[in-house]
Amino acid sequence: MDLALLRTFVTVHRAGSFTRAAALLGLSQPAVTSQIRTLERQLGRPLFLRQARGVTPTTVGDELAHRAAPHLDALVEITEAGLDEDSGVRTLHLAGPPEFTSVRVLPALSPLIAQGLTLRTSFGNAQETLDGLAAGHHDLAISTDRPRGTVLTGTALCDEEHVLVAAPRWAGRIGPGLLRREGPQVLEHLPVVEVHESLPLVTRYWATVFETRPAAAGTVVAPDLRAVLHATAAGAGIAVLPRYLCEEALERGEIVALFDPPVPPLRTYFLAVRTGTLTLAHIARAHEWLLRAATDWS
């Protein structure tokens, strides 16, 4: 049995479609279809049921994938690692949101540099990073979306607490306890600093804490939470920020938390890999390192 056909089969099984598998393999969709048909003729059994949105493996397909995938992954590891591992130098391609990757992830991985790891980093939103990971552009991805399907595997990394903040001069206009007594309408006259026109963080906070939608539009929009933090500290308006990013500014008094809800809004980060790639030592080491580091993140 041709190993190339088995590799294509396992990729289709994990991707759930000929089109996605073709993108992962660098082949055309007709080439993938032809290879699967050839394998099915050799086996005398159908391996997939064709559907409008992809394919579903038959019981024979599931059995073959279960038996073949671990061995193919091991062969890929040998091929990618090479025979000479004395140098120990491997490049990890990492993707994630710019702020969290810069403040949390890259510092956590820095000790691995002394062990021979090299890093290449890309920034993007949740969907972009997962799409890039599935297409083979990255080895690890940090995403606030949980990976779906079988081509990617995601592990919860940590939760991020969101805080409603403003510079002291804006906080002074509200007064202690006013927001708790009268609700979010006391904030409607204040300018809002956000990362996007849709106000994703403010909208999520309002829905979770106040059970309503924000009435105000964005006054300052900057597509980086670090820019939002600095603009807020300078007095540009109110903002919702992750605590890990604004904790030091809160301690220095540059910004003030406007509200302390009984249950603060949380957002979960996931550490995602392509299924089967944790057999590669440098990816597995970085994956494990980040999971251990995240136990200290709050």
Protein backbone atom coordinates (compact mmCIF):
# COMPACT_ATOMS: atom_id res chain seq x y z
CA MET A 1 0.00 0.00 0.00
CA ASP A 2 1.39 3.39 -1.02
CA LEU A 3 2.35 5.49 2.03
CA ALA A 4 1.47 8.68 0.12
CA LEU A 5 -2.08 7.41 -0.27
CA LEU A 6 -2.25 6.62 3.45
CA ARG A 7 -0.96 10.08 4.31
CA THR A 8 -3.64 11.67 2.14
CA PHE A 9 -6.28 9.42 3.68
CA VAL A 10 -5.32 10.31 7.27
CA THR A 11 -5.29 14.02 6.39
CA VAL A 12 -8.79 13.79 4.89
CA HIS A 13 -9.98 11.82 7.93
CA ARG A 14 -8.73 14.55 10.26
CA ALA A 15 -9.80 17.49 8.12
CA GLY A 16 -13.28 16.18 7.36
CA SER A 17 -13.19 17.34 3.75
CA PHE A 18 -11.21 16.84 0.56
CA THR A 19 -10.87 20.61 0.10
CA ARG A 20 -9.35 21.26 3.53
CA ALA A 21 -7.08 18.24 3.19
CA ALA A 22 -5.87 19.50 -0.18
CA ALA A 23 -4.90 22.83 1.39
CA LEU A 24 -2.99 21.05 4.17
CA LEU A 25 -1.17 18.76 1.74
CA GLY A 26 -0.44 21.37 -0.91
CA LEU A 27 -2.36 19.36 -3.51
CA SER A 28 -5.32 20.12 -5.72
CA GLN A 29 -8.73 18.92 -4.62
CA PRO A 30 -9.07 16.61 -7.66
CA ALA A 31 -5.68 15.05 -6.81
CA VAL A 32 -6.85 14.29 -3.27
CA THR A 33 -10.12 12.83 -4.56
CA SER A 34 -8.21 10.66 -7.04
CA GLN A 35 -5.85 9.34 -4.35
CA ILE A 36 -8.71 8.41 -2.04
CA ARG A 37 -10.51 6.61 -4.87
CA THR A 38 -7.31 4.72 -5.68
CA LEU A 39 -6.95 3.63 -2.05
CA GLU A 40 -10.61 2.58 -1.90
CA ARG A 41 -10.14 0.46 -5.05
CA GLN A 42 -7.06 -1.18 -3.54
CA LEU A 43 -8.94 -2.02 -0.34
CA GLY A 44 -12.20 -2.89 -2.04
CA ARG A 45 -14.09 -0.86 0.58
CA PRO A 46 -15.44 2.70 0.76
CA LEU A 47 -13.54 4.83 3.27
CA PHE A 48 -15.74 7.93 3.26
CA LEU A 49 -19.36 8.87 2.74
CA ARG A 50 -19.53 11.97 0.53
CA GLN A 51 -21.82 14.71 1.88
CA ALA A 52 -22.70 18.26 0.89
CA ARG A 53 -20.32 19.74 3.46
CA GLY A 54 -17.36 17.41 3.51
CA VAL A 55 -17.05 13.71 4.17
CA THR A 56 -17.80 11.27 6.99
CA PRO A 57 -15.59 8.21 7.49
CA THR A 58 -17.13 4.77 7.23
CA THR A 59 -16.44 2.23 9.96
CA VAL A 60 -13.69 0.82 7.74
CA GLY A 61 -12.26 4.33 7.37
CA ASP A 62 -12.28 4.89 11.12
CA GLU A 63 -10.54 1.55 11.72
CA LEU A 64 -7.84 2.28 9.12
CA ALA A 65 -7.23 5.78 10.51
CA HIS A 66 -6.93 4.42 14.05
CA ARG A 67 -4.36 1.85 12.93
CA ALA A 68 -2.37 3.96 10.46
CA ALA A 69 -2.27 7.49 11.94
CA PRO A 70 0.18 6.87 14.83
CA HIS A 71 2.72 5.23 12.50
CA LEU A 72 2.42 7.98 9.89
CA ASP A 73 2.87 10.63 12.59
CA ALA A 74 6.03 8.86 13.75
CA LEU A 75 7.38 8.82 10.19
CA VAL A 76 6.63 12.53 9.82
CA GLU A 77 8.50 13.20 13.05
CA ILE A 78 11.57 11.34 11.77
CA THR A 79 11.40 13.14 8.44
CA GLU A 80 11.01 16.61 9.93
CA ALA A 81 13.55 16.13 12.70
CA GLY A 82 16.19 14.71 10.37
CA LEU A 83 18.80 12.17 11.27
CA ASP A 84 21.28 14.62 12.85
CA GLU A 85 19.78 16.10 16.03
CA ASP A 86 23.10 17.14 17.57
CA SER A 87 22.45 20.83 16.94
CA GLY A 88 19.12 20.68 18.81
CA VAL A 89 17.93 23.74 16.86
CA ARG A 90 14.26 23.67 15.95
CA THR A 91 12.01 26.54 14.88
CA LEU A 92 8.59 26.91 16.48
CA HIS A 93 6.05 28.88 14.48
CA LEU A 94 3.63 30.49 16.91
CA ALA A 95 0.50 32.60 16.35
CA GLY A 96 -1.87 34.41 18.65
CA PRO A 97 -3.38 37.74 19.66
CA PRO A 98 -0.68 40.44 19.83
CA GLU A 99 -1.20 41.55 23.44
CA PHE A 100 -1.52 38.16 25.13
CA THR A 101 1.26 36.66 23.02
CA SER A 102 3.59 39.57 23.79
CA VAL A 103 2.88 39.88 27.50
CA ARG A 104 2.29 36.26 28.48
CA VAL A 105 3.34 33.71 25.89
CA LEU A 106 6.70 34.93 24.56
CA PRO A 107 8.18 35.60 28.03
CA ALA A 108 7.02 32.15 29.16
CA LEU A 109 8.78 30.46 26.23
CA SER A 110 12.01 32.44 26.59
CA PRO A 111 13.77 29.81 28.77
CA LEU A 112 13.48 27.34 25.86
CA ILE A 113 15.74 29.56 23.73
CA ALA A 114 18.73 28.42 25.81
CA GLN A 115 17.73 24.84 24.96
CA GLY A 116 18.09 25.47 21.23
CA LEU A 117 14.58 26.57 20.28
CA THR A 118 14.09 29.38 17.78
CA LEU A 119 10.79 31.25 17.50
CA ARG A 120 8.85 32.86 14.69
CA THR A 121 5.69 34.70 15.73
CA SER A 122 2.60 35.87 13.87
CA PHE A 123 -0.25 37.98 15.25
CA GLY A 124 -3.90 37.70 14.29
CA ASN A 125 -7.43 37.32 15.55
CA ALA A 126 -8.88 34.00 16.71
CA GLN A 127 -10.16 32.81 13.34
CA GLU A 128 -7.03 33.89 11.46
CA THR A 129 -4.71 32.02 13.80
CA LEU A 130 -6.78 28.82 13.72
CA ASP A 131 -7.08 28.94 9.93
CA GLY A 132 -3.32 29.44 9.65
CA LEU A 133 -2.67 26.57 12.03
CA ALA A 134 -4.96 24.23 10.07
CA ALA A 135 -3.22 25.23 6.84
CA GLY A 136 0.19 24.38 8.31
CA HIS A 137 1.50 27.95 8.62
CA HIS A 138 1.90 27.67 12.41
CA ASP A 139 2.86 24.94 14.88
CA LEU A 140 1.00 26.36 17.89
CA ALA A 141 -1.83 28.88 18.08
CA ILE A 142 -3.35 30.82 20.96
CA SER A 143 -7.02 31.51 20.36
CA THR A 144 -10.10 32.67 22.24
CA ASP A 145 -12.17 30.36 19.99
CA ARG A 146 -12.24 26.67 20.85
CA PRO A 147 -11.00 24.63 17.85
CA ARG A 148 -13.70 22.53 16.19
CA GLY A 149 -13.42 19.32 14.21
CA THR A 150 -10.64 16.76 14.25
CA VAL A 151 -7.86 18.53 12.33
CA LEU A 152 -7.05 20.73 15.35
CA THR A 153 -6.81 19.89 19.02
CA GLY A 154 -7.35 22.59 21.65
CA THR A 155 -6.56 22.66 25.36
CA ALA A 156 -7.89 25.33 27.73
CA LEU A 157 -4.88 27.44 28.70
CA CYS A 158 -6.19 30.07 31.13
CA ASP A 159 -9.06 32.45 31.86
CA GLU A 160 -8.76 36.18 31.41
CA GLU A 161 -10.72 38.48 33.76
CA HIS A 162 -12.09 41.71 32.29
CA VAL A 163 -12.12 44.95 34.26
CA LEU A 164 -14.04 48.18 33.63
CA VAL A 165 -11.53 51.00 34.06
CA ALA A 166 -11.01 54.73 33.60
CA ALA A 167 -8.48 57.40 34.51
CA PRO A 168 -8.98 58.86 38.02
CA ARG A 169 -10.53 62.08 36.71
CA TRP A 170 -13.34 60.17 34.98
CA ALA A 171 -13.80 57.87 37.98
CA GLY A 172 -14.17 60.94 40.19
CA ARG A 173 -17.11 62.16 38.13
CA ILE A 174 -19.04 58.98 38.83
CA GLY A 175 -18.42 58.86 42.58
CA PRO A 176 -18.27 55.79 44.79
CA GLY A 177 -21.31 53.53 44.67
CA LEU A 178 -23.18 55.52 42.00
CA LEU A 179 -22.71 52.88 39.30
CA ARG A 180 -23.89 50.13 41.62
CA ARG A 181 -26.99 52.10 42.66
CA GLU A 182 -28.11 53.52 39.32
CA GLY A 183 -26.67 51.11 36.78
CA PRO A 184 -24.80 51.59 33.49
CA GLN A 185 -26.82 54.62 32.41
CA VAL A 186 -24.47 56.77 34.50
CA LEU A 187 -21.72 55.85 32.02
CA GLU A 188 -23.61 56.81 28.87
CA HIS A 189 -22.11 60.31 28.73
CA LEU A 190 -18.52 59.07 29.01
CA PRO A 191 -16.26 58.45 25.97
CA VAL A 192 -15.35 54.83 25.23
CA VAL A 193 -11.95 53.45 24.18
CA GLU A 194 -12.03 50.10 22.33
CA VAL A 195 -10.19 47.84 19.89
CA HIS A 196 -12.96 47.73 17.26
CA GLU A 197 -16.03 49.67 16.18
CA SER A 198 -18.25 46.80 17.34
CA LEU A 199 -17.03 47.31 20.94
CA PRO A 200 -16.37 43.60 21.55
CA LEU A 201 -15.02 43.87 25.12
CA VAL A 202 -17.44 46.56 26.28
CA THR A 203 -20.41 44.72 24.75
CA ARG A 204 -19.42 41.44 26.42
CA TYR A 205 -18.95 43.20 29.77
CA TRP A 206 -22.31 45.01 29.56
CA ALA A 207 -24.11 41.78 28.61
CA THR A 208 -22.50 39.76 31.42
CA VAL A 209 -22.55 42.31 34.24
CA PHE A 210 -25.43 44.68 33.43
CA GLU A 211 -27.53 42.35 31.20
CA THR A 212 -27.93 45.04 28.57
CA ARG A 213 -26.11 46.54 25.61
CA PRO A 214 -23.92 49.65 25.82
CA ALA A 215 -25.60 52.80 24.59
CA ALA A 216 -22.43 54.69 23.65
CA ALA A 217 -20.33 54.28 20.50
CA GLY A 218 -16.57 54.08 20.39
CA THR A 219 -14.83 57.43 20.83
CA VAL A 220 -11.28 56.13 20.40
CA VAL A 221 -10.74 52.89 18.46
CA ALA A 222 -7.25 51.34 18.36
CA PRO A 223 -6.69 47.70 17.30
CA ASP A 224 -4.33 46.85 20.15
CA LEU A 225 -5.27 46.55 23.82
CA ARG A 226 -1.97 48.09 24.88
CA ALA A 227 -2.91 51.23 22.96
CA VAL A 228 -6.34 51.14 24.64
CA LEU A 229 -4.64 50.94 28.04
CA HIS A 230 -2.36 53.91 27.42
CA ALA A 231 -5.14 56.01 25.93
CA THR A 232 -7.38 55.23 28.90
CA ALA A 233 -4.65 56.10 31.40
CA ALA A 234 -4.18 59.41 29.57
CA GLY A 235 -7.85 60.22 30.11
CA ALA A 236 -9.37 59.35 26.73
CA GLY A 237 -12.37 57.58 28.30
CA ILE A 238 -13.57 54.35 29.87
CA ALA A 239 -12.48 50.91 28.68
CA VAL A 240 -12.77 47.22 29.42
CA LEU A 241 -9.36 45.57 29.71
CA PRO A 242 -7.98 42.17 30.73
CA ARG A 243 -6.66 42.29 34.27
CA TYR A 244 -3.29 40.79 33.35
CA LEU A 245 -2.67 43.74 31.03
CA CYS A 246 -3.82 46.56 33.33
CA GLU A 247 -2.88 45.19 36.78
CA GLU A 248 0.27 47.29 37.12
CA ALA A 249 -1.50 50.45 35.96
CA LEU A 250 -4.20 49.79 38.56
CA GLU A 251 -1.59 49.34 41.29
CA ARG A 252 0.14 52.60 40.30
CA GLY A 253 -3.18 54.46 40.31
CA GLU A 254 -2.92 55.44 36.65
CA ILE A 255 -6.37 53.91 36.10
CA VAL A 256 -9.17 52.96 38.48
CA ALA A 257 -11.56 50.00 38.42
CA LEU A 258 -15.05 51.47 38.17
CA PHE A 259 -16.96 48.38 39.28
CA ASP A 260 -16.38 45.16 41.19
CA PRO A 261 -19.04 42.69 40.02
CA PRO A 262 -19.72 39.56 42.08
CA VAL A 263 -18.83 37.43 39.05
CA PRO A 264 -16.39 39.20 36.73
CA PRO A 265 -16.55 38.49 32.99
CA LEU A 266 -14.04 35.88 31.86
CA ARG A 267 -12.66 34.86 28.50
CA THR A 268 -10.85 31.54 27.96
CA TYR A 269 -7.70 31.16 25.91
CA PHE A 270 -7.05 27.85 24.12
CA LEU A 271 -3.71 26.39 23.11
CA ALA A 272 -4.23 24.70 19.75
CA VAL A 273 -2.14 22.31 17.66
CA ARG A 274 -2.73 20.26 14.54
CA THR A 275 -3.73 16.76 15.53
CA GLY A 276 -0.71 14.48 15.58
CA THR A 277 2.00 17.17 15.73
CA LEU A 278 2.65 16.75 19.46
CA THR A 279 4.80 13.80 18.41
CA LEU A 280 7.36 16.44 17.36
CA ALA A 281 9.61 17.09 20.34
CA HIS A 282 9.98 20.88 19.98
CA ILE A 283 6.21 21.41 19.64
CA ALA A 284 5.45 19.08 22.54
CA ARG A 285 8.03 20.81 24.74
CA ALA A 286 6.61 24.28 24.04
CA HIS A 287 3.05 23.02 24.50
CA GLU A 288 3.85 21.49 27.89
CA TRP A 289 5.88 24.54 28.94
CA LEU A 290 3.00 26.90 28.23
CA LEU A 291 0.47 24.74 30.06
CA ARG A 292 2.72 24.70 33.14
CA ALA A 293 3.38 28.44 32.94
CA ALA A 294 -0.36 29.17 32.64
CA THR A 295 -1.03 27.70 36.09
CA ASP A 296 0.53 30.87 37.52
CA TRP A 297 -1.42 33.25 35.27
CA SER A 298 -4.43 34.99 36.72
